[in-house]
Structure formats: structure tokens, C-alpha cells
Amino acid sequence: MNTDNEPLTFPPQTLPATAPGDTVLLRRPGQAIWAGAVSAWPEGFEFTLLILNDVHLAEAPPPEALALHPGERGPNAWISVQYADGRTRAADLNTNTPTEQNAGPHLSFIYGESSATEGWDLARWWVTPLPPPGPIQLTIHLGHHSNTTGTGYLDGQAIIQATHRTNSK
């Protein structure tokens, strides 16, 4: 269930503002995972997640698809977001809201593309509502039974401040 105050995608009639926030979630031999390119709207924000694997390095981890539902998490990577006030959300096509967590955050997959032969996966995510001031923790959970996680942080206050520069029609 969605309310008019919590859109699951960005509002089409508003031009976003960029917010600072590039972070490396994980860096290990043969793999780097980055999040950034943050765009802010009065209703929420978007970020890009990029997973890079060195397909030419024998000991590099294999490329992984991104899980969009809890049932896909076994062999696949998945992303979670946690606000400074403790509210948290994993990518799950919003199957466990709103009854358990109607105040968000809601994490929605917007767009993605990948190339297993070239070793990259790019995804764009929408998060609503806006975070409270403080750090926003992004965590990547890798599949293939590696139990590897990586964490990076975005600045909730910078995202809130960027919304003052948006342009609505």
C-alpha cells in the first residue's frame, strides 16, 4: 500500500538537484562496489550502485546479479539502506511494507543493466521518504554463499539541503 505522500518513484514534474555523496561500499582484489550520483527530490532521492568485477583476474569473485526479491538472495547480491534513526530497508520489491514499516524507507529498483562478460552491473535506486539528518548506511550483501558485506555512507543532511534547489512545475 502506498500513500500519496510516499511515491515509489520520483515525481515526473520536478527537476532534481544533485547531492554530494560518492562512497565505496567494498573494495577487494578483483572487485569494487561504488554508490553515488545522488539526485534529490522533495519526496526522496535516487542513487546509482555500480559493481565492477575484473573478469581477467582468476581469483576475482564471479559477477553477481542483483536480487530484487528476498527469494533471489541466495546466489545474488542485494542492497539495504538504513537511516540515522534506525529505520532500515532491503531491496525486496516492498513486499514487507507498509504494515511493518509504513514510515519507510522504501527502496525501489528503477533501472539496471549489466554485462557478465565485461564484469559490471549498474543499477539505479529510488528511496523515499527523505532521510533524517545524519548518515545513511548503504550495505551490499554478496551472494554465492560468501557472506561478504560492504558498507558505505551517504549524508542525509546534504540530501535534505539539495531538495531546496529542486525545480517543480
N, C-alpha and C. Protein backbone atom coordinates (compact mmCIF):
# COMPACT_ATOMS: atom_id res chain seq x y z
N MET A 1 0.85 -1.18 0.00
CA MET A 1 0.00 0.00 0.00
C MET A 1 0.89 1.24 0.00
N ASN A 2 0.52 2.19 -0.79
CA ASN A 2 1.31 3.41 -0.94
C ASN A 2 0.40 4.60 -0.67
N THR A 3 0.92 5.63 -0.05
CA THR A 3 0.14 6.84 0.14
C THR A 3 0.63 7.90 -0.83
N ASP A 4 -0.15 8.92 -1.04
CA ASP A 4 0.27 9.99 -1.94
C ASP A 4 1.52 10.70 -1.43
N ASN A 5 1.79 10.63 -0.14
CA ASN A 5 2.97 11.28 0.42
C ASN A 5 4.25 10.46 0.27
N GLU A 6 4.13 9.20 -0.15
CA GLU A 6 5.30 8.33 -0.27
C GLU A 6 5.33 7.68 -1.64
N PRO A 7 5.70 8.43 -2.69
CA PRO A 7 5.72 7.85 -4.02
C PRO A 7 6.83 6.82 -4.14
N LEU A 8 6.56 5.76 -4.90
CA LEU A 8 7.56 4.73 -5.10
C LEU A 8 8.48 5.03 -6.27
N THR A 9 8.23 6.13 -6.96
CA THR A 9 9.15 6.62 -7.98
C THR A 9 9.20 8.13 -7.85
N PHE A 10 10.21 8.72 -8.48
CA PHE A 10 10.34 10.17 -8.38
C PHE A 10 9.21 10.88 -9.09
N PRO A 11 8.86 12.09 -8.65
CA PRO A 11 7.76 12.84 -9.28
C PRO A 11 8.18 13.33 -10.66
N PRO A 12 7.38 13.07 -11.67
CA PRO A 12 7.78 13.39 -13.05
C PRO A 12 7.84 14.88 -13.37
N GLN A 13 7.19 15.73 -12.60
CA GLN A 13 7.14 17.15 -12.93
C GLN A 13 8.15 17.98 -12.16
N THR A 14 9.13 17.34 -11.54
CA THR A 14 10.12 18.04 -10.73
C THR A 14 11.52 17.73 -11.24
N LEU A 15 12.30 18.77 -11.40
CA LEU A 15 13.71 18.57 -11.73
C LEU A 15 14.49 18.40 -10.44
N PRO A 16 15.29 17.34 -10.34
CA PRO A 16 16.01 17.09 -9.09
C PRO A 16 17.23 17.99 -8.97
N ALA A 17 17.82 17.95 -7.80
CA ALA A 17 19.10 18.61 -7.56
C ALA A 17 20.10 17.52 -7.16
N THR A 18 21.34 17.71 -7.54
CA THR A 18 22.35 16.74 -7.15
C THR A 18 22.80 16.98 -5.72
N ALA A 19 23.19 15.91 -5.07
CA ALA A 19 23.71 15.99 -3.71
C ALA A 19 25.07 15.29 -3.68
N PRO A 20 26.00 15.80 -2.88
CA PRO A 20 27.28 15.11 -2.79
C PRO A 20 27.08 13.74 -2.15
N GLY A 21 27.91 12.81 -2.57
CA GLY A 21 27.77 11.51 -1.94
C GLY A 21 28.26 10.36 -2.77
N ASP A 22 29.54 10.23 -2.96
CA ASP A 22 30.11 9.04 -3.56
C ASP A 22 30.74 8.22 -2.45
N THR A 23 30.52 6.94 -2.47
CA THR A 23 31.06 6.08 -1.42
C THR A 23 31.42 4.72 -2.00
N VAL A 24 32.51 4.17 -1.55
CA VAL A 24 32.91 2.81 -1.92
C VAL A 24 32.40 1.88 -0.83
N LEU A 25 31.55 0.95 -1.20
CA LEU A 25 30.99 0.01 -0.24
C LEU A 25 31.93 -1.16 -0.01
N LEU A 26 32.64 -1.57 -1.04
CA LEU A 26 33.53 -2.72 -0.92
C LEU A 26 34.63 -2.62 -1.97
N ARG A 27 35.84 -2.91 -1.54
CA ARG A 27 36.97 -2.97 -2.47
C ARG A 27 37.83 -4.14 -2.02
N ARG A 28 37.98 -5.10 -2.91
CA ARG A 28 38.82 -6.25 -2.66
C ARG A 28 39.43 -6.70 -3.98
N PRO A 29 40.43 -7.58 -3.95
CA PRO A 29 41.06 -7.97 -5.22
C PRO A 29 40.02 -8.46 -6.23
N GLY A 30 40.00 -7.82 -7.36
CA GLY A 30 39.10 -8.21 -8.43
C GLY A 30 37.70 -7.64 -8.36
N GLN A 31 37.40 -6.83 -7.34
CA GLN A 31 36.04 -6.30 -7.23
C GLN A 31 36.01 -4.96 -6.51
N ALA A 32 35.18 -4.06 -7.04
CA ALA A 32 34.91 -2.79 -6.38
C ALA A 32 33.41 -2.51 -6.51
N ILE A 33 32.80 -2.00 -5.43
CA ILE A 33 31.38 -1.67 -5.44
C ILE A 33 31.24 -0.24 -4.94
N TRP A 34 30.61 0.59 -5.77
CA TRP A 34 30.51 2.03 -5.54
C TRP A 34 29.04 2.43 -5.56
N ALA A 35 28.70 3.44 -4.77
CA ALA A 35 27.37 4.06 -4.81
C ALA A 35 27.56 5.57 -4.86
N GLY A 36 26.71 6.26 -5.59
CA GLY A 36 26.79 7.71 -5.68
C GLY A 36 25.84 8.24 -6.73
N ALA A 37 26.25 9.36 -7.36
CA ALA A 37 25.40 10.05 -8.33
C ALA A 37 24.01 10.29 -7.73
N VAL A 38 23.99 10.93 -6.58
CA VAL A 38 22.76 11.13 -5.82
C VAL A 38 21.97 12.31 -6.39
N SER A 39 20.68 12.08 -6.64
CA SER A 39 19.74 13.12 -7.05
C SER A 39 18.66 13.21 -6.00
N ALA A 40 18.29 14.43 -5.62
CA ALA A 40 17.32 14.63 -4.54
C ALA A 40 16.05 15.31 -5.07
N TRP A 41 14.92 14.88 -4.57
CA TRP A 41 13.60 15.46 -4.79
C TRP A 41 13.00 15.74 -3.42
N PRO A 42 11.97 16.57 -3.35
CA PRO A 42 11.32 16.80 -2.06
C PRO A 42 10.72 15.52 -1.45
N GLU A 43 10.46 14.52 -2.29
CA GLU A 43 9.83 13.28 -1.81
C GLU A 43 10.81 12.15 -1.52
N GLY A 44 12.07 12.27 -1.94
CA GLY A 44 13.03 11.19 -1.76
C GLY A 44 14.30 11.44 -2.56
N PHE A 45 15.07 10.39 -2.77
CA PHE A 45 16.32 10.53 -3.51
C PHE A 45 16.63 9.26 -4.30
N GLU A 46 17.47 9.43 -5.30
CA GLU A 46 17.96 8.34 -6.12
C GLU A 46 19.46 8.21 -5.94
N PHE A 47 19.96 7.00 -6.13
CA PHE A 47 21.40 6.79 -6.18
C PHE A 47 21.70 5.67 -7.17
N THR A 48 22.93 5.65 -7.64
CA THR A 48 23.41 4.60 -8.54
C THR A 48 24.30 3.65 -7.76
N LEU A 49 24.16 2.38 -8.05
CA LEU A 49 25.02 1.34 -7.49
C LEU A 49 25.76 0.70 -8.65
N LEU A 50 27.09 0.64 -8.56
CA LEU A 50 27.91 0.05 -9.60
C LEU A 50 28.79 -1.03 -9.01
N ILE A 51 28.67 -2.24 -9.55
CA ILE A 51 29.50 -3.37 -9.14
C ILE A 51 30.45 -3.67 -10.30
N LEU A 52 31.74 -3.62 -10.03
CA LEU A 52 32.76 -3.90 -11.04
C LEU A 52 33.55 -5.14 -10.64
N ASN A 53 33.67 -6.08 -11.56
CA ASN A 53 34.45 -7.30 -11.34
C ASN A 53 35.51 -7.40 -12.44
N ASP A 54 36.72 -7.72 -12.07
CA ASP A 54 37.80 -7.91 -13.04
C ASP A 54 37.69 -9.33 -13.59
N VAL A 55 37.07 -9.46 -14.76
CA VAL A 55 36.85 -10.78 -15.35
C VAL A 55 38.14 -11.42 -15.85
N HIS A 56 39.22 -10.66 -15.89
CA HIS A 56 40.50 -11.19 -16.36
C HIS A 56 41.38 -11.69 -15.21
N LEU A 57 40.96 -11.48 -14.00
CA LEU A 57 41.72 -11.90 -12.82
C LEU A 57 41.14 -13.22 -12.33
N ALA A 58 41.98 -14.26 -12.32
CA ALA A 58 41.50 -15.61 -11.99
C ALA A 58 40.84 -15.69 -10.62
N GLU A 59 41.38 -14.98 -9.62
CA GLU A 59 40.83 -15.07 -8.27
C GLU A 59 39.72 -14.05 -8.00
N ALA A 60 39.31 -13.33 -9.03
CA ALA A 60 38.24 -12.34 -8.84
C ALA A 60 36.93 -13.05 -8.55
N PRO A 61 36.09 -12.44 -7.70
CA PRO A 61 34.78 -13.02 -7.45
C PRO A 61 33.94 -13.03 -8.73
N PRO A 62 33.06 -14.00 -8.88
CA PRO A 62 32.23 -14.02 -10.10
C PRO A 62 31.22 -12.89 -10.08
N PRO A 63 30.85 -12.37 -11.26
CA PRO A 63 29.80 -11.35 -11.30
C PRO A 63 28.50 -11.90 -10.73
N GLU A 64 27.77 -11.04 -10.06
CA GLU A 64 26.51 -11.44 -9.45
C GLU A 64 25.39 -10.53 -9.92
N ALA A 65 24.23 -11.11 -10.13
CA ALA A 65 23.04 -10.31 -10.43
C ALA A 65 22.55 -9.70 -9.12
N LEU A 66 21.73 -8.67 -9.23
CA LEU A 66 21.13 -8.04 -8.04
C LEU A 66 19.77 -8.67 -7.76
N ALA A 67 19.59 -9.10 -6.52
CA ALA A 67 18.31 -9.66 -6.11
C ALA A 67 17.32 -8.53 -5.87
N LEU A 68 16.13 -8.67 -6.42
CA LEU A 68 15.08 -7.67 -6.21
C LEU A 68 14.00 -8.18 -5.28
N HIS A 69 14.08 -9.43 -4.89
CA HIS A 69 13.09 -10.05 -4.01
C HIS A 69 13.84 -10.98 -3.05
N PRO A 70 13.38 -11.13 -1.81
CA PRO A 70 14.10 -11.97 -0.85
C PRO A 70 14.37 -13.39 -1.35
N GLY A 71 13.50 -13.94 -2.17
CA GLY A 71 13.70 -15.29 -2.69
C GLY A 71 14.86 -15.42 -3.65
N GLU A 72 15.38 -14.29 -4.14
CA GLU A 72 16.50 -14.31 -5.09
C GLU A 72 17.85 -14.12 -4.42
N ARG A 73 17.89 -13.97 -3.10
CA ARG A 73 19.12 -13.57 -2.42
C ARG A 73 20.19 -14.64 -2.34
N GLY A 74 19.87 -15.90 -2.41
CA GLY A 74 20.88 -16.95 -2.25
C GLY A 74 22.13 -16.74 -3.10
N PRO A 75 22.02 -16.81 -4.41
CA PRO A 75 23.20 -16.65 -5.26
C PRO A 75 23.46 -15.20 -5.69
N ASN A 76 22.59 -14.30 -5.35
CA ASN A 76 22.67 -12.94 -5.86
C ASN A 76 23.03 -11.92 -4.78
N ALA A 77 23.55 -10.80 -5.24
CA ALA A 77 23.85 -9.67 -4.34
C ALA A 77 22.56 -8.91 -4.05
N TRP A 78 22.50 -8.24 -2.91
CA TRP A 78 21.36 -7.38 -2.60
C TRP A 78 21.82 -6.20 -1.78
N ILE A 79 21.02 -5.14 -1.83
CA ILE A 79 21.38 -3.86 -1.20
C ILE A 79 20.38 -3.55 -0.09
N SER A 80 20.87 -2.91 0.96
CA SER A 80 19.97 -2.43 2.01
C SER A 80 20.37 -1.00 2.37
N VAL A 81 19.40 -0.26 2.90
CA VAL A 81 19.61 1.13 3.31
C VAL A 81 19.12 1.29 4.75
N GLN A 82 19.89 2.04 5.55
CA GLN A 82 19.48 2.31 6.93
C GLN A 82 19.64 3.79 7.22
N TYR A 83 18.57 4.42 7.70
CA TYR A 83 18.60 5.83 8.07
C TYR A 83 19.24 6.00 9.45
N ALA A 84 19.63 7.22 9.76
CA ALA A 84 20.27 7.53 11.05
C ALA A 84 19.37 7.25 12.24
N ASP A 85 18.06 7.26 12.03
CA ASP A 85 17.13 6.99 13.13
C ASP A 85 16.86 5.49 13.32
N GLY A 86 17.55 4.66 12.55
CA GLY A 86 17.43 3.21 12.71
C GLY A 86 16.51 2.52 11.73
N ARG A 87 15.66 3.28 11.04
CA ARG A 87 14.78 2.64 10.05
C ARG A 87 15.65 2.02 8.96
N THR A 88 15.30 0.83 8.54
CA THR A 88 16.11 0.13 7.55
C THR A 88 15.24 -0.56 6.52
N ARG A 89 15.81 -0.82 5.37
CA ARG A 89 15.07 -1.45 4.28
C ARG A 89 16.02 -2.17 3.35
N ALA A 90 15.68 -3.37 2.96
CA ALA A 90 16.43 -4.11 1.95
C ALA A 90 15.62 -4.15 0.67
N ALA A 91 16.30 -4.35 -0.43
CA ALA A 91 15.62 -4.46 -1.72
C ALA A 91 14.73 -5.71 -1.69
N ASP A 92 13.43 -5.52 -1.78
CA ASP A 92 12.51 -6.65 -1.70
C ASP A 92 11.21 -6.37 -2.44
N LEU A 93 11.24 -5.47 -3.39
CA LEU A 93 10.03 -5.07 -4.12
C LEU A 93 8.94 -4.61 -3.17
N ASN A 94 9.36 -4.12 -1.99
CA ASN A 94 8.44 -3.58 -0.99
C ASN A 94 7.40 -4.59 -0.53
N THR A 95 7.81 -5.87 -0.49
CA THR A 95 6.86 -6.90 -0.08
C THR A 95 6.53 -6.87 1.40
N ASN A 96 7.39 -6.26 2.22
CA ASN A 96 7.08 -6.26 3.65
C ASN A 96 6.63 -4.89 4.16
N THR A 97 6.13 -4.05 3.30
CA THR A 97 5.55 -2.79 3.74
C THR A 97 4.14 -2.70 3.18
N PRO A 98 3.31 -1.86 3.68
CA PRO A 98 3.61 -0.84 4.67
C PRO A 98 3.32 -1.27 6.10
N THR A 99 2.70 -2.42 6.33
CA THR A 99 2.23 -2.73 7.67
C THR A 99 3.34 -2.78 8.71
N GLU A 100 4.50 -3.33 8.36
CA GLU A 100 5.59 -3.40 9.32
C GLU A 100 6.38 -2.10 9.40
N GLN A 101 6.33 -1.28 8.35
CA GLN A 101 7.22 -0.13 8.31
C GLN A 101 6.65 0.94 7.38
N ASN A 102 5.51 1.47 7.73
CA ASN A 102 4.87 2.42 6.83
C ASN A 102 5.59 3.75 6.74
N ALA A 103 6.55 4.02 7.62
CA ALA A 103 7.29 5.28 7.57
C ALA A 103 8.53 5.17 6.68
N GLY A 104 8.73 4.04 6.02
CA GLY A 104 9.87 3.89 5.13
C GLY A 104 11.14 3.60 5.90
N PRO A 105 12.27 3.59 5.26
CA PRO A 105 12.41 3.94 3.85
C PRO A 105 11.88 2.85 2.93
N HIS A 106 11.42 3.28 1.78
CA HIS A 106 11.03 2.38 0.71
C HIS A 106 12.15 2.42 -0.31
N LEU A 107 12.63 1.28 -0.72
CA LEU A 107 13.75 1.15 -1.65
C LEU A 107 13.24 0.48 -2.91
N SER A 108 13.23 1.23 -4.02
CA SER A 108 12.66 0.73 -5.27
C SER A 108 13.69 0.73 -6.38
N PHE A 109 13.77 -0.37 -7.09
CA PHE A 109 14.64 -0.50 -8.25
C PHE A 109 14.03 0.29 -9.40
N ILE A 110 14.82 1.18 -10.01
CA ILE A 110 14.32 1.99 -11.11
C ILE A 110 14.79 1.45 -12.45
N TYR A 111 16.08 1.15 -12.53
CA TYR A 111 16.69 0.81 -13.81
C TYR A 111 17.95 0.01 -13.55
N GLY A 112 18.29 -0.87 -14.47
CA GLY A 112 19.54 -1.59 -14.34
C GLY A 112 19.98 -2.20 -15.65
N GLU A 113 21.25 -2.42 -15.74
CA GLU A 113 21.83 -3.14 -16.87
C GLU A 113 23.14 -3.74 -16.40
N SER A 114 23.57 -4.80 -17.12
CA SER A 114 24.79 -5.46 -16.71
C SER A 114 25.42 -6.18 -17.89
N SER A 115 26.66 -6.57 -17.69
CA SER A 115 27.37 -7.40 -18.65
C SER A 115 28.25 -8.37 -17.86
N ALA A 116 27.86 -9.64 -17.83
CA ALA A 116 28.64 -10.64 -17.12
C ALA A 116 29.99 -10.84 -17.79
N THR A 117 30.03 -10.76 -19.12
CA THR A 117 31.31 -10.98 -19.82
C THR A 117 32.28 -9.83 -19.60
N GLU A 118 31.76 -8.63 -19.36
CA GLU A 118 32.63 -7.48 -19.09
C GLU A 118 32.76 -7.22 -17.59
N GLY A 119 31.95 -7.87 -16.77
CA GLY A 119 32.09 -7.81 -15.33
C GLY A 119 31.53 -6.58 -14.64
N TRP A 120 30.39 -6.07 -15.07
CA TRP A 120 29.81 -4.92 -14.39
C TRP A 120 28.30 -5.05 -14.27
N ASP A 121 27.77 -4.41 -13.26
CA ASP A 121 26.34 -4.35 -13.01
C ASP A 121 26.04 -2.95 -12.51
N LEU A 122 25.12 -2.27 -13.17
CA LEU A 122 24.75 -0.90 -12.85
C LEU A 122 23.27 -0.87 -12.51
N ALA A 123 22.92 -0.25 -11.40
CA ALA A 123 21.51 -0.16 -11.00
C ALA A 123 21.23 1.23 -10.44
N ARG A 124 20.04 1.71 -10.70
CA ARG A 124 19.58 2.99 -10.16
C ARG A 124 18.44 2.69 -9.20
N TRP A 125 18.48 3.32 -7.99
CA TRP A 125 17.52 3.04 -6.93
C TRP A 125 16.84 4.33 -6.47
N TRP A 126 15.56 4.24 -6.14
CA TRP A 126 14.77 5.33 -5.58
C TRP A 126 14.48 5.01 -4.12
N VAL A 127 14.69 5.98 -3.24
CA VAL A 127 14.44 5.80 -1.81
C VAL A 127 13.52 6.93 -1.34
N THR A 128 12.45 6.57 -0.64
CA THR A 128 11.52 7.54 -0.10
C THR A 128 11.05 7.07 1.26
N PRO A 129 10.70 7.94 2.18
CA PRO A 129 10.76 9.39 2.13
C PRO A 129 12.19 9.88 2.32
N LEU A 130 12.33 11.20 2.36
CA LEU A 130 13.65 11.76 2.64
C LEU A 130 14.17 11.25 3.98
N PRO A 131 15.49 11.12 4.08
CA PRO A 131 16.05 10.65 5.35
C PRO A 131 16.08 11.76 6.39
N PRO A 132 16.24 11.40 7.65
CA PRO A 132 16.52 12.42 8.66
C PRO A 132 17.98 12.86 8.51
N PRO A 133 18.37 13.96 9.13
CA PRO A 133 19.78 14.34 9.10
C PRO A 133 20.64 13.22 9.70
N GLY A 134 21.83 13.09 9.18
CA GLY A 134 22.74 12.06 9.67
C GLY A 134 23.14 11.10 8.58
N PRO A 135 23.94 10.12 8.94
CA PRO A 135 24.44 9.20 7.92
C PRO A 135 23.35 8.24 7.43
N ILE A 136 23.41 7.93 6.16
CA ILE A 136 22.57 6.90 5.55
C ILE A 136 23.51 5.75 5.22
N GLN A 137 23.28 4.63 5.83
CA GLN A 137 24.15 3.48 5.61
C GLN A 137 23.64 2.65 4.44
N LEU A 138 24.50 2.43 3.45
CA LEU A 138 24.20 1.52 2.35
C LEU A 138 25.06 0.28 2.57
N THR A 139 24.44 -0.89 2.50
CA THR A 139 25.18 -2.13 2.67
C THR A 139 24.91 -3.05 1.50
N ILE A 140 25.97 -3.57 0.92
CA ILE A 140 25.86 -4.57 -0.14
C ILE A 140 26.10 -5.93 0.50
N HIS A 141 25.23 -6.87 0.20
CA HIS A 141 25.33 -8.23 0.71
C HIS A 141 25.59 -9.12 -0.50
N LEU A 142 26.75 -9.76 -0.53
CA LEU A 142 27.09 -10.57 -1.69
C LEU A 142 26.59 -11.99 -1.54
N GLY A 143 26.19 -12.57 -2.64
CA GLY A 143 25.65 -13.93 -2.64
C GLY A 143 26.76 -14.95 -2.82
N HIS A 144 26.43 -16.00 -3.54
CA HIS A 144 27.35 -17.12 -3.76
C HIS A 144 27.87 -17.66 -2.43
N HIS A 145 27.08 -17.55 -1.39
CA HIS A 145 27.41 -18.07 -0.06
C HIS A 145 28.73 -17.54 0.49
N SER A 146 29.13 -16.36 0.04
CA SER A 146 30.39 -15.80 0.52
C SER A 146 30.21 -15.06 1.85
N ASN A 147 28.97 -14.71 2.19
CA ASN A 147 28.68 -13.95 3.41
C ASN A 147 29.52 -12.68 3.51
N THR A 148 29.87 -12.10 2.38
CA THR A 148 30.64 -10.87 2.36
C THR A 148 29.69 -9.69 2.29
N THR A 149 29.96 -8.68 3.11
CA THR A 149 29.19 -7.44 3.05
C THR A 149 30.16 -6.28 2.96
N GLY A 150 29.68 -5.18 2.44
CA GLY A 150 30.43 -3.94 2.39
C GLY A 150 29.50 -2.80 2.70
N THR A 151 30.01 -1.78 3.36
CA THR A 151 29.17 -0.67 3.80
C THR A 151 29.79 0.66 3.41
N GLY A 152 28.96 1.58 3.00
CA GLY A 152 29.35 2.96 2.73
C GLY A 152 28.26 3.88 3.25
N TYR A 153 28.53 5.17 3.25
CA TYR A 153 27.59 6.12 3.83
C TYR A 153 27.33 7.30 2.91
N LEU A 154 26.07 7.72 2.87
CA LEU A 154 25.66 8.97 2.23
C LEU A 154 25.28 9.93 3.34
N ASP A 155 25.23 11.22 3.02
CA ASP A 155 24.95 12.25 4.01
C ASP A 155 23.48 12.68 3.90
N GLY A 156 22.68 12.29 4.89
CA GLY A 156 21.27 12.64 4.89
C GLY A 156 21.02 14.14 4.88
N GLN A 157 21.82 14.90 5.63
CA GLN A 157 21.66 16.35 5.68
C GLN A 157 21.94 16.97 4.31
N ALA A 158 22.95 16.49 3.60
CA ALA A 158 23.26 17.02 2.26
C ALA A 158 22.12 16.74 1.28
N ILE A 159 21.50 15.58 1.42
CA ILE A 159 20.36 15.26 0.55
C ILE A 159 19.18 16.17 0.87
N ILE A 160 18.91 16.39 2.15
CA ILE A 160 17.81 17.29 2.54
C ILE A 160 18.07 18.69 2.01
N GLN A 161 19.29 19.19 2.16
CA GLN A 161 19.64 20.54 1.68
C GLN A 161 19.51 20.64 0.16
N ALA A 162 19.83 19.57 -0.56
CA ALA A 162 19.72 19.60 -2.03
C ALA A 162 18.28 19.76 -2.47
N THR A 163 17.32 19.29 -1.68
CA THR A 163 15.91 19.41 -2.08
C THR A 163 15.47 20.86 -2.20
N HIS A 164 16.16 21.77 -1.53
CA HIS A 164 15.81 23.19 -1.61
C HIS A 164 16.17 23.78 -2.97
N ARG A 165 16.94 23.05 -3.76
CA ARG A 165 17.34 23.50 -5.09
C ARG A 165 16.56 22.84 -6.20
N THR A 166 15.56 22.01 -5.87
CA THR A 166 14.77 21.34 -6.89
C THR A 166 13.85 22.36 -7.56
N ASN A 167 13.37 21.99 -8.73
CA ASN A 167 12.51 22.87 -9.51
C ASN A 167 11.23 22.13 -9.87
N SER A 168 10.12 22.53 -9.28
CA SER A 168 8.83 21.90 -9.56
C SER A 168 8.03 22.78 -10.51
N LYS A 169 7.27 22.13 -11.37
CA LYS A 169 6.39 22.86 -12.30
C LYS A 169 5.05 23.08 -11.67
